[in-house]
Amino acid sequence: MFDSTHTNIHEILQDFNGLHPKLQFRAETEKDHTLNYLDITMLRKPAGSKTSIYRKPTFMDTIIPYTSNHPAQHKHATVRFLFNRLDS
């Protein structure tokens, strides 16, 4: 468990960023009891926690229409992506 009195996140971040010049890490901080990690939003409440799917502000929930002039493999890839995301 993280204990801010014994652990300095900035020192850990500096150590991680010194491992390789092409790898750069950053630390996310909680804002209003909410933390976005990968594509999940975690909300901390007194009664427990809640998770939901995080969407960037630029996210557009559109997919390639079936009647469009895109190659069939692009359309099939969209369906596979959505199914795999649902499954995981």
PDB file of N, CA and C in Angstrom:
ATOM      1  N   MET A   1       0.839  -1.177   0.000  1.00  0.00           N
ATOM      2  CA  MET A   1       0.000   0.000   0.000  1.00  0.00           C
ATOM      3  C   MET A   1       0.887   1.244   0.000  1.00  0.00           C
ATOM      4  N   PHE A   2       0.469   2.242  -0.713  1.00  0.00           N
ATOM      5  CA  PHE A   2       1.230   3.482  -0.838  1.00  0.00           C
ATOM      6  C   PHE A   2       1.055   4.324   0.411  1.00  0.00           C
ATOM      7  N   ASP A   3       2.152   4.751   0.990  1.00  0.00           N
ATOM      8  CA  ASP A   3       2.141   5.611   2.165  1.00  0.00           C
ATOM      9  C   ASP A   3       2.993   6.833   1.840  1.00  0.00           C
ATOM     10  N   SER A   4       2.348   7.981   1.667  1.00  0.00           N
ATOM     11  CA  SER A   4       3.068   9.182   1.235  1.00  0.00           C
ATOM     12  C   SER A   4       4.067   9.678   2.277  1.00  0.00           C
ATOM     13  N   THR A   5       3.962   9.226   3.526  1.00  0.00           N
ATOM     14  CA  THR A   5       4.932   9.656   4.539  1.00  0.00           C
ATOM     15  C   THR A   5       6.250   8.891   4.408  1.00  0.00           C
ATOM     16  N   HIS A   6       6.229   7.717   3.771  1.00  0.00           N
ATOM     17  CA  HIS A   6       7.433   6.918   3.612  1.00  0.00           C
ATOM     18  C   HIS A   6       7.913   6.811   2.163  1.00  0.00           C
ATOM     19  N   THR A   7       7.087   7.209   1.215  1.00  0.00           N
ATOM     20  CA  THR A   7       7.412   7.053  -0.195  1.00  0.00           C
ATOM     21  C   THR A   7       7.305   8.392  -0.909  1.00  0.00           C
ATOM     22  N   ASN A   8       8.321   8.746  -1.666  1.00  0.00           N
ATOM     23  CA  ASN A   8       8.307   9.973  -2.436  1.00  0.00           C
ATOM     24  C   ASN A   8       8.087   9.608  -3.901  1.00  0.00           C
ATOM     25  N   ILE A   9       6.895   9.877  -4.409  1.00  0.00           N
ATOM     26  CA  ILE A   9       6.539   9.510  -5.776  1.00  0.00           C
ATOM     27  C   ILE A   9       7.445  10.182  -6.802  1.00  0.00           C
ATOM     28  N   HIS A  10       7.922  11.372  -6.503  1.00  0.00           N
ATOM     29  CA  HIS A  10       8.790  12.083  -7.445  1.00  0.00           C
ATOM     30  C   HIS A  10      10.153  11.390  -7.585  1.00  0.00           C
ATOM     31  N   GLU A  11      10.664  10.815  -6.491  1.00  0.00           N
ATOM     32  CA  GLU A  11      11.917  10.069  -6.570  1.00  0.00           C
ATOM     33  C   GLU A  11      11.734   8.785  -7.379  1.00  0.00           C
ATOM     34  N   ILE A  12      10.614   8.101  -7.173  1.00  0.00           N
ATOM     35  CA  ILE A  12      10.328   6.887  -7.932  1.00  0.00           C
ATOM     36  C   ILE A  12      10.203   7.215  -9.420  1.00  0.00           C
ATOM     37  N   LEU A  13       9.500   8.279  -9.728  1.00  0.00           N
ATOM     38  CA  LEU A  13       9.325   8.694 -11.113  1.00  0.00           C
ATOM     39  C   LEU A  13      10.671   9.040 -11.751  1.00  0.00           C
ATOM     40  N   GLN A  14      11.509   9.722 -11.023  1.00  0.00           N
ATOM     41  CA  GLN A  14      12.842  10.074 -11.529  1.00  0.00           C
ATOM     42  C   GLN A  14      13.666   8.809 -11.786  1.00  0.00           C
ATOM     43  N   ASP A  15      13.582   7.817 -10.884  1.00  0.00           N
ATOM     44  CA  ASP A  15      14.302   6.549 -11.087  1.00  0.00           C
ATOM     45  C   ASP A  15      13.792   5.828 -12.337  1.00  0.00           C
ATOM     46  N   PHE A  16      12.470   5.746 -12.501  1.00  0.00           N
ATOM     47  CA  PHE A  16      11.889   5.082 -13.668  1.00  0.00           C
ATOM     48  C   PHE A  16      12.301   5.782 -14.961  1.00  0.00           C
ATOM     49  N   ASN A  17      12.265   7.102 -14.967  1.00  0.00           N
ATOM     50  CA  ASN A  17      12.602   7.848 -16.179  1.00  0.00           C
ATOM     51  C   ASN A  17      14.091   7.780 -16.504  1.00  0.00           C
ATOM     52  N   GLY A  18      14.904   7.379 -15.543  1.00  0.00           N
ATOM     53  CA  GLY A  18      16.335   7.221 -15.781  1.00  0.00           C
ATOM     54  C   GLY A  18      16.716   5.847 -16.303  1.00  0.00           C
ATOM     55  N   LEU A  19      15.753   4.933 -16.416  1.00  0.00           N
ATOM     56  CA  LEU A  19      16.055   3.575 -16.867  1.00  0.00           C
ATOM     57  C   LEU A  19      16.469   3.509 -18.332  1.00  0.00           C
ATOM     58  N   HIS A  20      15.783   4.259 -19.169  1.00  0.00           N
ATOM     59  CA  HIS A  20      16.080   4.243 -20.608  1.00  0.00           C
ATOM     60  C   HIS A  20      15.672   5.591 -21.188  1.00  0.00           C
ATOM     61  N   PRO A  21      16.487   6.176 -22.070  1.00  0.00           N
ATOM     62  CA  PRO A  21      16.181   7.525 -22.573  1.00  0.00           C
ATOM     63  C   PRO A  21      14.901   7.601 -23.415  1.00  0.00           C
ATOM     64  N   LYS A  22      14.474   6.476 -24.006  1.00  0.00           N
ATOM     65  CA  LYS A  22      13.276   6.512 -24.838  1.00  0.00           C
ATOM     66  C   LYS A  22      11.998   6.177 -24.067  1.00  0.00           C
ATOM     67  N   LEU A  23      12.129   5.796 -22.808  1.00  0.00           N
ATOM     68  CA  LEU A  23      10.959   5.523 -21.971  1.00  0.00           C
ATOM     69  C   LEU A  23      10.771   6.666 -20.989  1.00  0.00           C
ATOM     70  N   GLN A  24       9.614   7.271 -21.022  1.00  0.00           N
ATOM     71  CA  GLN A  24       9.315   8.353 -20.093  1.00  0.00           C
ATOM     72  C   GLN A  24       7.990   8.050 -19.409  1.00  0.00           C
ATOM     73  N   PHE A  25       8.003   8.049 -18.095  1.00  0.00           N
ATOM     74  CA  PHE A  25       6.812   7.778 -17.300  1.00  0.00           C
ATOM     75  C   PHE A  25       6.297   9.075 -16.707  1.00  0.00           C
ATOM     76  N   ARG A  26       5.037   9.065 -16.318  1.00  0.00           N
ATOM     77  CA  ARG A  26       4.477  10.214 -15.623  1.00  0.00           C
ATOM     78  C   ARG A  26       3.542   9.701 -14.543  1.00  0.00           C
ATOM     79  N   ALA A  27       3.319  10.513 -13.554  1.00  0.00           N
ATOM     80  CA  ALA A  27       2.462  10.131 -12.434  1.00  0.00           C
ATOM     81  C   ALA A  27       1.139  10.891 -12.544  1.00  0.00           C
ATOM     82  N   GLU A  28       0.058  10.153 -12.507  1.00  0.00           N
ATOM     83  CA  GLU A  28      -1.273  10.753 -12.499  1.00  0.00           C
ATOM     84  C   GLU A  28      -1.701  10.951 -11.055  1.00  0.00           C
ATOM     85  N   THR A  29      -2.301  12.068 -10.783  1.00  0.00           N
ATOM     86  CA  THR A  29      -2.806  12.323  -9.440  1.00  0.00           C
ATOM     87  C   THR A  29      -4.327  12.341  -9.451  1.00  0.00           C
ATOM     88  N   GLU A  30      -4.874  11.997  -8.333  1.00  0.00           N
ATOM     89  CA  GLU A  30      -6.321  11.948  -8.182  1.00  0.00           C
ATOM     90  C   GLU A  30      -6.891  13.360  -8.133  1.00  0.00           C
ATOM     91  N   LYS A  31      -7.987  13.577  -8.870  1.00  0.00           N
ATOM     92  CA  LYS A  31      -8.678  14.870  -8.861  1.00  0.00           C
ATOM     93  C   LYS A  31     -10.146  14.619  -8.573  1.00  0.00           C
ATOM     94  N   ASP A  32     -10.675  15.246  -7.546  1.00  0.00           N
ATOM     95  CA  ASP A  32     -12.082  15.068  -7.146  1.00  0.00           C
ATOM     96  C   ASP A  32     -12.410  13.592  -6.937  1.00  0.00           C
ATOM     97  N   HIS A  33     -11.516  12.861  -6.270  1.00  0.00           N
ATOM     98  CA  HIS A  33     -11.691  11.437  -5.960  1.00  0.00           C
ATOM     99  C   HIS A  33     -11.767  10.574  -7.213  1.00  0.00           C
ATOM    100  N   THR A  34     -11.251  11.074  -8.352  1.00  0.00           N
ATOM    101  CA  THR A  34     -11.302  10.349  -9.620  1.00  0.00           C
ATOM    102  C   THR A  34      -9.898  10.213 -10.196  1.00  0.00           C
ATOM    103  N   LEU A  35      -9.625   9.028 -10.754  1.00  0.00           N
ATOM    104  CA  LEU A  35      -8.345   8.782 -11.390  1.00  0.00           C
ATOM    105  C   LEU A  35      -8.593   8.024 -12.685  1.00  0.00           C
ATOM    106  N   ASN A  36      -8.046   8.536 -13.782  1.00  0.00           N
ATOM    107  CA  ASN A  36      -8.152   7.867 -15.082  1.00  0.00           C
ATOM    108  C   ASN A  36      -6.884   7.066 -15.296  1.00  0.00           C
ATOM    109  N   TYR A  37      -7.041   5.763 -15.566  1.00  0.00           N
ATOM    110  CA  TYR A  37      -5.908   4.876 -15.794  1.00  0.00           C
ATOM    111  C   TYR A  37      -6.224   4.017 -17.008  1.00  0.00           C
ATOM    112  N   LEU A  38      -5.361   4.109 -18.019  1.00  0.00           N
ATOM    113  CA  LEU A  38      -5.597   3.463 -19.302  1.00  0.00           C
ATOM    114  C   LEU A  38      -6.965   3.890 -19.823  1.00  0.00           C
ATOM    115  N   ASP A  39      -7.903   2.979 -19.981  1.00  0.00           N
ATOM    116  CA  ASP A  39      -9.230   3.401 -20.453  1.00  0.00           C
ATOM    117  C   ASP A  39     -10.296   3.164 -19.395  1.00  0.00           C
ATOM    118  N   ILE A  40      -9.889   3.295 -18.116  1.00  0.00           N
ATOM    119  CA  ILE A  40     -10.820   3.109 -17.000  1.00  0.00           C
ATOM    120  C   ILE A  40     -10.790   4.353 -16.118  1.00  0.00           C
ATOM    121  N   THR A  41     -11.970   4.773 -15.675  1.00  0.00           N
ATOM    122  CA  THR A  41     -12.082   5.827 -14.677  1.00  0.00           C
ATOM    123  C   THR A  41     -12.421   5.175 -13.350  1.00  0.00           C
ATOM    124  N   MET A  42     -11.616   5.469 -12.338  1.00  0.00           N
ATOM    125  CA  MET A  42     -11.865   4.929 -11.005  1.00  0.00           C
ATOM    126  C   MET A  42     -12.323   6.066 -10.107  1.00  0.00           C
ATOM    127  N   LEU A  43     -13.459   5.870  -9.462  1.00  0.00           N
ATOM    128  CA  LEU A  43     -14.033   6.873  -8.565  1.00  0.00           C
ATOM    129  C   LEU A  43     -14.014   6.312  -7.155  1.00  0.00           C
ATOM    130  N   ARG A  44     -13.406   7.048  -6.231  1.00  0.00           N
ATOM    131  CA  ARG A  44     -13.312   6.613  -4.841  1.00  0.00           C
ATOM    132  C   ARG A  44     -14.413   7.288  -4.045  1.00  0.00           C
ATOM    133  N   LYS A  45     -15.220   6.479  -3.360  1.00  0.00           N
ATOM    134  CA  LYS A  45     -16.311   6.976  -2.526  1.00  0.00           C
ATOM    135  C   LYS A  45     -16.163   6.403  -1.127  1.00  0.00           C
ATOM    136  N   PRO A  46     -16.787   7.033  -0.124  1.00  0.00           N
ATOM    137  CA  PRO A  46     -16.697   6.488   1.242  1.00  0.00           C
ATOM    138  C   PRO A  46     -17.247   5.056   1.338  1.00  0.00           C
ATOM    139  N   ALA A  47     -18.266   4.733   0.548  1.00  0.00           N
ATOM    140  CA  ALA A  47     -18.881   3.407   0.614  1.00  0.00           C
ATOM    141  C   ALA A  47     -18.158   2.386  -0.257  1.00  0.00           C
ATOM    142  N   GLY A  48     -17.143   2.771  -0.977  1.00  0.00           N
ATOM    143  CA  GLY A  48     -16.430   1.845  -1.863  1.00  0.00           C
ATOM    144  C   GLY A  48     -15.929   2.567  -3.091  1.00  0.00           C
ATOM    145  N   SER A  49     -15.642   1.811  -4.124  1.00  0.00           N
ATOM    146  CA  SER A  49     -15.148   2.416  -5.351  1.00  0.00           C
ATOM    147  C   SER A  49     -16.036   2.016  -6.520  1.00  0.00           C
ATOM    148  N   LYS A  50     -15.937   2.794  -7.582  1.00  0.00           N
ATOM    149  CA  LYS A  50     -16.724   2.555  -8.780  1.00  0.00           C
ATOM    150  C   LYS A  50     -15.810   2.732  -9.979  1.00  0.00           C
ATOM    151  N   THR A  51     -16.005   1.913 -11.005  1.00  0.00           N
ATOM    152  CA  THR A  51     -15.223   2.040 -12.229  1.00  0.00           C
ATOM    153  C   THR A  51     -16.147   2.242 -13.422  1.00  0.00           C
ATOM    154  N   SER A  52     -15.631   2.917 -14.414  1.00  0.00           N
ATOM    155  CA  SER A  52     -16.359   3.106 -15.666  1.00  0.00           C
ATOM    156  C   SER A  52     -15.338   3.256 -16.788  1.00  0.00           C
ATOM    157  N   ILE A  53     -15.808   3.240 -18.015  1.00  0.00           N
ATOM    158  CA  ILE A  53     -14.917   3.386 -19.166  1.00  0.00           C
ATOM    159  C   ILE A  53     -14.571   4.862 -19.338  1.00  0.00           C
ATOM    160  N   TYR A  54     -13.281   5.141 -19.479  1.00  0.00           N
ATOM    161  CA  TYR A  54     -12.809   6.506 -19.681  1.00  0.00           C
ATOM    162  C   TYR A  54     -12.737   6.804 -21.169  1.00  0.00           C
ATOM    163  N   ARG A  55     -13.256   7.914 -21.550  1.00  0.00           N
ATOM    164  CA  ARG A  55     -13.175   8.382 -22.933  1.00  0.00           C
ATOM    165  C   ARG A  55     -12.484   9.740 -22.936  1.00  0.00           C
ATOM    166  N   LYS A  56     -11.497   9.894 -23.809  1.00  0.00           N
ATOM    167  CA  LYS A  56     -10.830  11.187 -23.946  1.00  0.00           C
ATOM    168  C   LYS A  56     -11.832  12.216 -24.451  1.00  0.00           C
ATOM    169  N   PRO A  57     -11.608  13.503 -24.169  1.00  0.00           N
ATOM    170  CA  PRO A  57     -12.524  14.537 -24.660  1.00  0.00           C
ATOM    171  C   PRO A  57     -12.653  14.549 -26.181  1.00  0.00           C
ATOM    172  N   THR A  58     -11.649  14.044 -26.884  1.00  0.00           N
ATOM    173  CA  THR A  58     -11.698  14.040 -28.349  1.00  0.00           C
ATOM    174  C   THR A  58     -12.333  12.771 -28.921  1.00  0.00           C
ATOM    175  N   PHE A  59     -12.787  11.854 -28.051  1.00  0.00           N
ATOM    176  CA  PHE A  59     -13.358  10.591 -28.504  1.00  0.00           C
ATOM    177  C   PHE A  59     -14.637  10.822 -29.297  1.00  0.00           C
ATOM    178  N   MET A  60     -14.748  10.148 -30.438  1.00  0.00           N
ATOM    179  CA  MET A  60     -15.966  10.193 -31.250  1.00  0.00           C
ATOM    180  C   MET A  60     -16.456   8.761 -31.389  1.00  0.00           C
ATOM    181  N   ASP A  61     -17.650   8.506 -30.955  1.00  0.00           N
ATOM    182  CA  ASP A  61     -18.187   7.149 -30.967  1.00  0.00           C
ATOM    183  C   ASP A  61     -18.773   6.831 -32.342  1.00  0.00           C
ATOM    184  N   THR A  62     -17.908   6.832 -33.348  1.00  0.00           N
ATOM    185  CA  THR A  62     -18.360   6.534 -34.704  1.00  0.00           C
ATOM    186  C   THR A  62     -17.543   5.380 -35.252  1.00  0.00           C
ATOM    187  N   ILE A  63     -18.169   4.595 -36.084  1.00  0.00           N
ATOM    188  CA  ILE A  63     -17.473   3.505 -36.750  1.00  0.00           C
ATOM    189  C   ILE A  63     -17.735   3.632 -38.247  1.00  0.00           C
ATOM    190  N   ILE A  64     -17.037   2.845 -39.018  1.00  0.00           N
ATOM    191  CA  ILE A  64     -17.187   2.895 -40.479  1.00  0.00           C
ATOM    192  C   ILE A  64     -18.557   2.322 -40.847  1.00  0.00           C
ATOM    193  N   PRO A  65     -19.388   3.079 -41.550  1.00  0.00           N
ATOM    194  CA  PRO A  65     -20.685   2.535 -41.970  1.00  0.00           C
ATOM    195  C   PRO A  65     -20.503   1.350 -42.915  1.00  0.00           C
ATOM    196  N   TYR A  66     -21.385   0.375 -42.790  1.00  0.00           N
ATOM    197  CA  TYR A  66     -21.274  -0.832 -43.614  1.00  0.00           C
ATOM    198  C   TYR A  66     -21.399  -0.516 -45.106  1.00  0.00           C
ATOM    199  N   THR A  67     -22.155   0.514 -45.433  1.00  0.00           N
ATOM    200  CA  THR A  67     -22.381   0.856 -46.842  1.00  0.00           C
ATOM    201  C   THR A  67     -21.293   1.756 -47.415  1.00  0.00           C
ATOM    202  N   SER A  68     -20.262   2.075 -46.619  1.00  0.00           N
ATOM    203  CA  SER A  68     -19.202   2.954 -47.120  1.00  0.00           C
ATOM    204  C   SER A  68     -18.308   2.213 -48.104  1.00  0.00           C
ATOM    205  N   ASN A  69     -17.427   2.945 -48.748  1.00  0.00           N
ATOM    206  CA  ASN A  69     -16.552   2.399 -49.767  1.00  0.00           C
ATOM    207  C   ASN A  69     -15.194   1.989 -49.189  1.00  0.00           C
ATOM    208  N   HIS A  70     -15.165   1.574 -47.925  1.00  0.00           N
ATOM    209  CA  HIS A  70     -13.929   1.109 -47.299  1.00  0.00           C
ATOM    210  C   HIS A  70     -13.756  -0.386 -47.581  1.00  0.00           C
ATOM    211  N   PRO A  71     -12.521  -0.871 -47.542  1.00  0.00           N
ATOM    212  CA  PRO A  71     -12.309  -2.309 -47.723  1.00  0.00           C
ATOM    213  C   PRO A  71     -13.029  -3.119 -46.636  1.00  0.00           C
ATOM    214  N   ALA A  72     -13.489  -4.281 -47.006  1.00  0.00           N
ATOM    215  CA  ALA A  72     -14.249  -5.128 -46.075  1.00  0.00           C
ATOM    216  C   ALA A  72     -13.431  -5.477 -44.841  1.00  0.00           C
ATOM    217  N   GLN A  73     -12.122  -5.680 -44.986  1.00  0.00           N
ATOM    218  CA  GLN A  73     -11.319  -6.046 -43.820  1.00  0.00           C
ATOM    219  C   GLN A  73     -11.282  -4.921 -42.777  1.00  0.00           C
ATOM    220  N   HIS A  74     -11.392  -3.669 -43.198  1.00  0.00           N
ATOM    221  CA  HIS A  74     -11.458  -2.559 -42.237  1.00  0.00           C
ATOM    222  C   HIS A  74     -12.749  -2.630 -41.439  1.00  0.00           C
ATOM    223  N   LYS A  75     -13.836  -2.922 -42.123  1.00  0.00           N
ATOM    224  CA  LYS A  75     -15.134  -3.022 -41.446  1.00  0.00           C
ATOM    225  C   LYS A  75     -15.156  -4.204 -40.489  1.00  0.00           C
ATOM    226  N   HIS A  76     -14.590  -5.325 -40.920  1.00  0.00           N
ATOM    227  CA  HIS A  76     -14.543  -6.507 -40.062  1.00  0.00           C
ATOM    228  C   HIS A  76     -13.632  -6.263 -38.860  1.00  0.00           C
ATOM    229  N   ALA A  77     -12.550  -5.534 -39.057  1.00  0.00           N
ATOM    230  CA  ALA A  77     -11.639  -5.223 -37.953  1.00  0.00           C
ATOM    231  C   ALA A  77     -12.339  -4.386 -36.887  1.00  0.00           C
ATOM    232  N   THR A  78     -13.216  -3.493 -37.304  1.00  0.00           N
ATOM    233  CA  THR A  78     -13.961  -2.675 -36.348  1.00  0.00           C
ATOM    234  C   THR A  78     -14.830  -3.558 -35.464  1.00  0.00           C
ATOM    235  N   VAL A  79     -15.524  -4.499 -36.071  1.00  0.00           N
ATOM    236  CA  VAL A  79     -16.390  -5.398 -35.307  1.00  0.00           C
ATOM    237  C   VAL A  79     -15.555  -6.277 -34.377  1.00  0.00           C
ATOM    238  N   ARG A  80     -14.421  -6.797 -34.870  1.00  0.00           N
ATOM    239  CA  ARG A  80     -13.555  -7.618 -34.020  1.00  0.00           C
ATOM    240  C   ARG A  80     -13.023  -6.816 -32.839  1.00  0.00           C
ATOM    241  N   PHE A  81     -12.616  -5.567 -33.082  1.00  0.00           N
ATOM    242  CA  PHE A  81     -12.115  -4.716 -32.007  1.00  0.00           C
ATOM    243  C   PHE A  81     -13.175  -4.515 -30.931  1.00  0.00           C
ATOM    244  N   LEU A  82     -14.389  -4.176 -31.359  1.00  0.00           N
ATOM    245  CA  LEU A  82     -15.456  -3.935 -30.381  1.00  0.00           C
ATOM    246  C   LEU A  82     -15.800  -5.207 -29.615  1.00  0.00           C
ATOM    247  N   PHE A  83     -15.807  -6.357 -30.289  1.00  0.00           N
ATOM    248  CA  PHE A  83     -16.097  -7.601 -29.603  1.00  0.00           C
ATOM    249  C   PHE A  83     -14.991  -7.948 -28.606  1.00  0.00           C
ATOM    250  N   ASN A  84     -13.736  -7.801 -29.015  1.00  0.00           N
ATOM    251  CA  ASN A  84     -12.616  -8.089 -28.108  1.00  0.00           C
ATOM    252  C   ASN A  84     -12.609  -7.162 -26.898  1.00  0.00           C
ATOM    253  N   ARG A  85     -12.946  -5.919 -27.122  1.00  0.00           N
ATOM    254  CA  ARG A  85     -13.013  -4.974 -25.998  1.00  0.00           C
ATOM    255  C   ARG A  85     -14.120  -5.369 -25.038  1.00  0.00           C
ATOM    256  N   LEU A  86     -15.263  -5.771 -25.567  1.00  0.00           N
ATOM    257  CA  LEU A  86     -16.365  -6.216 -24.729  1.00  0.00           C
ATOM    258  C   LEU A  86     -15.985  -7.472 -23.967  1.00  0.00           C
ATOM    259  N   ASP A  87     -15.296  -8.378 -24.636  1.00  0.00           N
ATOM    260  CA  ASP A  87     -14.916  -9.638 -24.023  1.00  0.00           C
ATOM    261  C   ASP A  87     -13.873  -9.457 -22.926  1.00  0.00           C
ATOM    262  N   SER A  88     -13.003  -8.477 -23.066  1.00  0.00           N
ATOM    263  CA  SER A  88     -11.966  -8.274 -22.058  1.00  0.00           C
ATOM    264  C   SER A  88     -12.435  -7.316 -20.989  1.00  0.00           C
TER     265      SER A  88
END
